[in-house]
Amino acid sequence: MSNFNVLLDFHKYDVPKRAIFRTENRGETIVPGGRVLLEIEENIIGETKDKYITRLFPFDHGEWRGNIGLKRFSIMPIGIHKSRLVKWV
């Protein structure tokens, strides 16, 4: 992955951490008139300014330089907003 551009100022942890987060239900539970908040445990591999990162998603995209099309490869850090942290495990 060293040839990829990691977006969003990702800072990788030396050792992954476990944490519990509060999140909305993902359709498993239907409750009339409201949301259901669930607590889930996740493996955290790093962080950005506003998120704890659970995985890295590699992707490619095109970029034009004049009349030349270039293919760029990047990595998008995917994770959970820091405000949803309940506790570290």
N, C-alpha and C. Protein backbone atom coordinates (compact mmCIF):
# COMPACT_ATOMS: atom_id res chain seq x y z
N MET A 1 0.81 -1.20 0.00
CA MET A 1 0.00 0.00 0.00
C MET A 1 0.85 1.26 0.00
N SER A 2 2.14 1.12 0.06
CA SER A 2 3.00 2.30 0.14
C SER A 2 2.98 3.13 -1.15
N ASN A 3 2.56 2.54 -2.28
CA ASN A 3 2.48 3.28 -3.53
C ASN A 3 1.19 4.07 -3.66
N PHE A 4 0.32 3.96 -2.69
CA PHE A 4 -0.97 4.62 -2.74
C PHE A 4 -0.94 5.90 -1.93
N ASN A 5 -1.77 6.86 -2.34
CA ASN A 5 -1.96 8.10 -1.60
C ASN A 5 -3.10 7.88 -0.62
N VAL A 6 -2.82 7.90 0.69
CA VAL A 6 -3.88 7.75 1.69
C VAL A 6 -4.46 9.13 1.95
N LEU A 7 -5.77 9.24 1.76
CA LEU A 7 -6.46 10.51 1.87
C LEU A 7 -6.82 10.85 3.32
N LEU A 8 -7.15 12.11 3.57
CA LEU A 8 -7.71 12.60 4.83
C LEU A 8 -6.75 12.55 6.02
N ASP A 9 -5.48 12.73 5.81
CA ASP A 9 -4.51 12.79 6.92
C ASP A 9 -4.64 11.62 7.89
N PHE A 10 -4.65 10.42 7.36
CA PHE A 10 -4.78 9.21 8.16
C PHE A 10 -3.51 8.98 8.97
N HIS A 11 -3.69 8.68 10.27
CA HIS A 11 -2.58 8.33 11.15
C HIS A 11 -2.79 6.91 11.65
N LYS A 12 -1.93 5.99 11.21
CA LYS A 12 -2.05 4.58 11.56
C LYS A 12 -1.52 4.35 12.97
N TYR A 13 -2.23 3.51 13.74
CA TYR A 13 -1.75 3.10 15.06
C TYR A 13 -0.70 2.00 14.89
N ASP A 14 0.29 1.98 15.78
CA ASP A 14 1.28 0.90 15.76
C ASP A 14 0.62 -0.44 16.09
N VAL A 15 -0.33 -0.40 17.01
CA VAL A 15 -1.07 -1.59 17.42
C VAL A 15 -2.55 -1.25 17.36
N PRO A 16 -3.37 -2.05 16.66
CA PRO A 16 -4.81 -1.76 16.61
C PRO A 16 -5.44 -1.77 18.00
N LYS A 17 -6.52 -1.02 18.18
CA LYS A 17 -7.23 -0.93 19.46
C LYS A 17 -8.67 -1.38 19.25
N ARG A 18 -9.32 -1.80 20.33
CA ARG A 18 -10.73 -2.17 20.30
C ARG A 18 -11.52 -1.09 21.04
N ALA A 19 -12.71 -0.77 20.51
CA ALA A 19 -13.56 0.25 21.13
C ALA A 19 -15.02 -0.08 20.90
N ILE A 20 -15.85 0.46 21.77
CA ILE A 20 -17.30 0.31 21.63
C ILE A 20 -17.86 1.65 21.19
N PHE A 21 -18.73 1.60 20.17
CA PHE A 21 -19.34 2.80 19.61
C PHE A 21 -20.86 2.68 19.65
N ARG A 22 -21.53 3.82 19.76
CA ARG A 22 -22.99 3.86 19.67
C ARG A 22 -23.34 4.21 18.23
N THR A 23 -24.20 3.40 17.62
CA THR A 23 -24.58 3.63 16.24
C THR A 23 -26.07 3.35 16.07
N GLU A 24 -26.64 3.90 15.01
CA GLU A 24 -28.04 3.65 14.72
C GLU A 24 -28.21 2.25 14.16
N ASN A 25 -29.41 1.70 14.34
CA ASN A 25 -29.65 0.37 13.79
C ASN A 25 -29.49 0.39 12.28
N ARG A 26 -29.14 -0.74 11.73
CA ARG A 26 -28.89 -0.86 10.29
C ARG A 26 -30.03 -1.63 9.63
N GLY A 27 -31.26 -1.45 10.12
CA GLY A 27 -32.39 -2.13 9.53
C GLY A 27 -32.72 -3.46 10.17
N GLU A 28 -31.92 -3.90 11.15
CA GLU A 28 -32.21 -5.18 11.79
C GLU A 28 -33.45 -5.08 12.67
N THR A 29 -33.65 -3.92 13.29
CA THR A 29 -34.76 -3.73 14.21
C THR A 29 -35.61 -2.56 13.74
N ILE A 30 -36.88 -2.79 13.56
CA ILE A 30 -37.80 -1.74 13.15
C ILE A 30 -38.61 -1.33 14.37
N VAL A 31 -38.56 -0.06 14.71
CA VAL A 31 -39.32 0.47 15.84
C VAL A 31 -40.15 1.63 15.33
N PRO A 32 -41.47 1.57 15.51
CA PRO A 32 -42.31 2.67 15.03
C PRO A 32 -41.94 3.99 15.72
N GLY A 33 -41.76 5.02 14.90
CA GLY A 33 -41.55 6.37 15.43
C GLY A 33 -40.19 6.68 16.01
N GLY A 34 -39.17 5.90 15.72
CA GLY A 34 -37.89 6.26 16.31
C GLY A 34 -36.73 5.43 15.82
N ARG A 35 -35.56 5.80 16.29
CA ARG A 35 -34.33 5.10 15.95
C ARG A 35 -33.94 4.20 17.11
N VAL A 36 -33.21 3.18 16.81
CA VAL A 36 -32.67 2.30 17.84
C VAL A 36 -31.17 2.51 17.85
N LEU A 37 -30.62 2.83 19.02
CA LEU A 37 -29.17 2.99 19.12
C LEU A 37 -28.58 1.69 19.66
N LEU A 38 -27.60 1.17 18.93
CA LEU A 38 -26.93 -0.06 19.30
C LEU A 38 -25.50 0.25 19.68
N GLU A 39 -24.93 -0.59 20.52
CA GLU A 39 -23.51 -0.49 20.83
C GLU A 39 -22.80 -1.62 20.11
N ILE A 40 -21.78 -1.26 19.32
CA ILE A 40 -21.02 -2.25 18.57
C ILE A 40 -19.55 -2.13 18.94
N GLU A 41 -18.85 -3.25 18.89
CA GLU A 41 -17.41 -3.26 19.16
C GLU A 41 -16.68 -3.34 17.82
N GLU A 42 -15.68 -2.48 17.65
CA GLU A 42 -14.93 -2.41 16.39
C GLU A 42 -13.43 -2.46 16.66
N ASN A 43 -12.68 -2.91 15.67
CA ASN A 43 -11.23 -2.90 15.68
C ASN A 43 -10.77 -1.59 15.01
N ILE A 44 -10.03 -0.77 15.71
CA ILE A 44 -9.60 0.54 15.21
C ILE A 44 -8.13 0.47 14.80
N ILE A 45 -7.85 0.80 13.53
CA ILE A 45 -6.48 0.70 13.03
C ILE A 45 -5.77 2.05 12.96
N GLY A 46 -6.50 3.15 13.19
CA GLY A 46 -5.92 4.48 13.14
C GLY A 46 -6.99 5.53 13.26
N GLU A 47 -6.63 6.78 12.95
CA GLU A 47 -7.61 7.85 13.04
C GLU A 47 -7.30 8.99 12.08
N THR A 48 -8.33 9.79 11.82
CA THR A 48 -8.19 11.05 11.11
C THR A 48 -8.62 12.14 12.09
N LYS A 49 -8.79 13.34 11.60
CA LYS A 49 -9.19 14.44 12.48
C LYS A 49 -10.51 14.17 13.19
N ASP A 50 -11.48 13.55 12.49
CA ASP A 50 -12.80 13.39 13.07
C ASP A 50 -13.33 11.95 13.12
N LYS A 51 -12.53 10.97 12.68
CA LYS A 51 -13.01 9.58 12.66
C LYS A 51 -11.97 8.62 13.20
N TYR A 52 -12.48 7.53 13.83
CA TYR A 52 -11.65 6.38 14.16
C TYR A 52 -11.78 5.42 12.98
N ILE A 53 -10.67 5.00 12.41
CA ILE A 53 -10.67 4.24 11.17
C ILE A 53 -10.68 2.73 11.44
N THR A 54 -11.62 2.05 10.74
CA THR A 54 -11.77 0.60 10.90
C THR A 54 -11.22 -0.16 9.70
N ARG A 55 -11.14 0.49 8.54
CA ARG A 55 -10.61 -0.18 7.35
C ARG A 55 -10.15 0.86 6.34
N LEU A 56 -9.32 0.40 5.40
CA LEU A 56 -8.83 1.25 4.32
C LEU A 56 -9.38 0.71 3.00
N PHE A 57 -9.95 1.59 2.19
CA PHE A 57 -10.60 1.21 0.95
C PHE A 57 -9.79 1.72 -0.23
N PRO A 58 -9.07 0.83 -0.96
CA PRO A 58 -8.31 1.28 -2.13
C PRO A 58 -9.24 1.50 -3.32
N PHE A 59 -8.97 2.54 -4.09
CA PHE A 59 -9.75 2.81 -5.29
C PHE A 59 -8.89 3.55 -6.31
N ASP A 60 -9.35 3.55 -7.55
CA ASP A 60 -8.64 4.31 -8.58
C ASP A 60 -9.61 5.30 -9.21
N HIS A 61 -9.06 6.36 -9.76
CA HIS A 61 -9.86 7.40 -10.39
C HIS A 61 -9.04 8.06 -11.48
N GLY A 62 -9.73 8.64 -12.43
CA GLY A 62 -9.05 9.31 -13.54
C GLY A 62 -8.79 10.78 -13.25
N GLU A 63 -7.76 11.29 -13.91
CA GLU A 63 -7.41 12.70 -13.78
C GLU A 63 -6.87 13.17 -15.13
N TRP A 64 -7.30 14.32 -15.56
CA TRP A 64 -6.84 14.85 -16.83
C TRP A 64 -5.74 15.89 -16.61
N ARG A 65 -4.66 15.77 -17.37
CA ARG A 65 -3.59 16.77 -17.41
C ARG A 65 -3.50 17.22 -18.86
N GLY A 66 -4.21 18.30 -19.20
CA GLY A 66 -4.29 18.71 -20.59
C GLY A 66 -5.08 17.69 -21.37
N ASN A 67 -4.48 17.11 -22.39
CA ASN A 67 -5.14 16.08 -23.19
C ASN A 67 -4.76 14.67 -22.79
N ILE A 68 -4.04 14.52 -21.69
CA ILE A 68 -3.57 13.22 -21.25
C ILE A 68 -4.38 12.76 -20.04
N GLY A 69 -4.96 11.55 -20.14
CA GLY A 69 -5.69 10.97 -19.03
C GLY A 69 -4.77 10.12 -18.17
N LEU A 70 -4.77 10.36 -16.88
CA LEU A 70 -3.93 9.60 -15.95
C LEU A 70 -4.82 8.83 -14.99
N LYS A 71 -4.37 7.67 -14.58
CA LYS A 71 -5.08 6.88 -13.58
C LYS A 71 -4.36 7.04 -12.26
N ARG A 72 -5.08 7.47 -11.25
CA ARG A 72 -4.52 7.67 -9.91
C ARG A 72 -5.07 6.61 -8.96
N PHE A 73 -4.23 6.15 -8.06
CA PHE A 73 -4.63 5.17 -7.06
C PHE A 73 -4.56 5.83 -5.69
N SER A 74 -5.60 5.67 -4.91
CA SER A 74 -5.67 6.27 -3.58
C SER A 74 -6.29 5.29 -2.60
N ILE A 75 -6.23 5.63 -1.33
CA ILE A 75 -6.87 4.84 -0.28
C ILE A 75 -7.73 5.78 0.55
N MET A 76 -8.99 5.42 0.71
CA MET A 76 -9.92 6.19 1.54
C MET A 76 -10.05 5.50 2.89
N PRO A 77 -9.71 6.21 3.99
CA PRO A 77 -9.93 5.64 5.32
C PRO A 77 -11.43 5.65 5.65
N ILE A 78 -11.95 4.51 6.07
CA ILE A 78 -13.36 4.36 6.40
C ILE A 78 -13.48 4.09 7.90
N GLY A 79 -14.41 4.79 8.56
CA GLY A 79 -14.54 4.56 9.99
C GLY A 79 -15.75 5.22 10.60
N ILE A 80 -15.71 5.38 11.90
CA ILE A 80 -16.82 5.86 12.70
C ILE A 80 -16.45 7.21 13.30
N HIS A 81 -17.41 8.14 13.30
CA HIS A 81 -17.16 9.48 13.84
C HIS A 81 -16.78 9.40 15.31
N LYS A 82 -15.83 10.22 15.72
CA LYS A 82 -15.31 10.18 17.08
C LYS A 82 -16.38 10.47 18.13
N SER A 83 -17.41 11.21 17.77
CA SER A 83 -18.47 11.52 18.74
C SER A 83 -19.28 10.29 19.16
N ARG A 84 -19.17 9.19 18.43
CA ARG A 84 -19.93 7.98 18.73
C ARG A 84 -19.18 7.01 19.66
N LEU A 85 -17.96 7.36 20.06
CA LEU A 85 -17.18 6.51 20.96
C LEU A 85 -17.85 6.43 22.33
N VAL A 86 -18.03 5.20 22.83
CA VAL A 86 -18.58 4.98 24.16
C VAL A 86 -17.42 4.72 25.11
N LYS A 87 -16.56 3.73 24.78
CA LYS A 87 -15.40 3.45 25.64
C LYS A 87 -14.41 2.58 24.88
N TRP A 88 -13.17 2.62 25.35
CA TRP A 88 -12.12 1.75 24.83
C TRP A 88 -12.19 0.43 25.57
N VAL A 89 -11.90 -0.66 24.86
CA VAL A 89 -11.97 -2.00 25.48
C VAL A 89 -10.56 -2.40 25.88
